[in-house]
């Protein structure tokens, strides 16, 4: 069995295109304690800045 060199405790992730699909896994990973950066633009960016994820 192969083991990943990356520990699941130290994941740093970037999600591009945070809309209805990208926002969900990004939020779940952040809630699980991982460092997550979300990239959005246009109406999705405005909605995130105004209302949050």
C-alpha atoms as a PDB file:
ATOM      1  CA  UNK A   1       0.000   0.000   0.000  1.00  0.00           C
ATOM      2  CA  UNK A   2       1.354   3.443  -0.936  1.00  0.00           C
ATOM      3  CA  UNK A   3       1.366   6.204   1.634  1.00  0.00           C
ATOM      4  CA  UNK A   4       1.196   9.885   0.819  1.00  0.00           C
ATOM      5  CA  UNK A   5       4.197  12.036   1.703  1.00  0.00           C
ATOM      6  CA  UNK A   6       1.819  14.802   2.758  1.00  0.00           C
ATOM      7  CA  UNK A   7       0.305  14.588   6.195  1.00  0.00           C
ATOM      8  CA  UNK A   8      -3.431  15.209   6.181  1.00  0.00           C
ATOM      9  CA  UNK A   9      -2.916  17.356   9.267  1.00  0.00           C
ATOM     10  CA  UNK A  10      -0.895  19.976   7.378  1.00  0.00           C
ATOM     11  CA  UNK A  11      -2.753  20.524   4.110  1.00  0.00           C
ATOM     12  CA  UNK A  12      -2.659  23.996   2.595  1.00  0.00           C
ATOM     13  CA  UNK A  13      -5.161  24.319  -0.227  1.00  0.00           C
ATOM     14  CA  UNK A  14      -6.280  26.883  -2.754  1.00  0.00           C
ATOM     15  CA  UNK A  15      -9.684  26.569  -4.427  1.00  0.00           C
ATOM     16  CA  UNK A  16     -10.086  28.493  -7.686  1.00  0.00           C
ATOM     17  CA  UNK A  17     -13.571  29.322  -8.897  1.00  0.00           C
ATOM     18  CA  UNK A  18     -15.437  29.493  -5.619  1.00  0.00           C
ATOM     19  CA  UNK A  19     -19.067  29.316  -6.632  1.00  0.00           C
ATOM     20  CA  UNK A  20     -21.718  26.797  -5.748  1.00  0.00           C
ATOM     21  CA  UNK A  21     -19.419  23.866  -6.398  1.00  0.00           C
ATOM     22  CA  UNK A  22     -15.974  25.108  -5.313  1.00  0.00           C
ATOM     23  CA  UNK A  23     -17.253  26.760  -2.148  1.00  0.00           C
ATOM     24  CA  UNK A  24     -18.669  23.590  -0.638  1.00  0.00           C
ATOM     25  CA  UNK A  25     -15.475  21.497  -0.510  1.00  0.00           C
ATOM     26  CA  UNK A  26     -13.487  24.608   0.426  1.00  0.00           C
ATOM     27  CA  UNK A  27     -15.735  25.234   3.405  1.00  0.00           C
ATOM     28  CA  UNK A  28     -15.680  21.568   4.469  1.00  0.00           C
ATOM     29  CA  UNK A  29     -11.881  21.442   4.336  1.00  0.00           C
ATOM     30  CA  UNK A  30     -11.568  24.705   6.288  1.00  0.00           C
ATOM     31  CA  UNK A  31     -14.046  23.432   8.868  1.00  0.00           C
ATOM     32  CA  UNK A  32     -11.909  20.285   9.212  1.00  0.00           C
ATOM     33  CA  UNK A  33      -8.973  22.484  10.217  1.00  0.00           C
ATOM     34  CA  UNK A  34      -7.020  22.802   6.965  1.00  0.00           C
ATOM     35  CA  UNK A  35      -5.625  26.104   5.692  1.00  0.00           C
ATOM     36  CA  UNK A  36      -7.820  26.997   2.699  1.00  0.00           C
ATOM     37  CA  UNK A  37      -7.619  30.021   0.412  1.00  0.00           C
ATOM     38  CA  UNK A  38     -10.595  30.731  -1.837  1.00  0.00           C
ATOM     39  CA  UNK A  39     -10.272  32.532  -5.179  1.00  0.00           C
ATOM     40  CA  UNK A  40     -13.374  34.187  -6.633  1.00  0.00           C
ATOM     41  CA  UNK A  41     -14.239  37.077  -8.928  1.00  0.00           C
ATOM     42  CA  UNK A  42     -17.250  38.982 -10.184  1.00  0.00           C
ATOM     43  CA  UNK A  43     -20.621  38.357  -8.572  1.00  0.00           C
ATOM     44  CA  UNK A  44     -19.311  35.435  -6.516  1.00  0.00           C
ATOM     45  CA  UNK A  45     -16.579  37.610  -5.003  1.00  0.00           C
ATOM     46  CA  UNK A  46     -19.086  40.323  -4.151  1.00  0.00           C
ATOM     47  CA  UNK A  47     -21.416  37.795  -2.530  1.00  0.00           C
ATOM     48  CA  UNK A  48     -18.567  36.304  -0.485  1.00  0.00           C
ATOM     49  CA  UNK A  49     -17.429  39.729   0.692  1.00  0.00           C
ATOM     50  CA  UNK A  50     -20.972  40.764   1.579  1.00  0.00           C
ATOM     51  CA  UNK A  51     -22.506  37.581   2.999  1.00  0.00           C
ATOM     52  CA  UNK A  52     -19.573  35.243   3.613  1.00  0.00           C
ATOM     53  CA  UNK A  53     -19.393  31.668   2.451  1.00  0.00           C
END
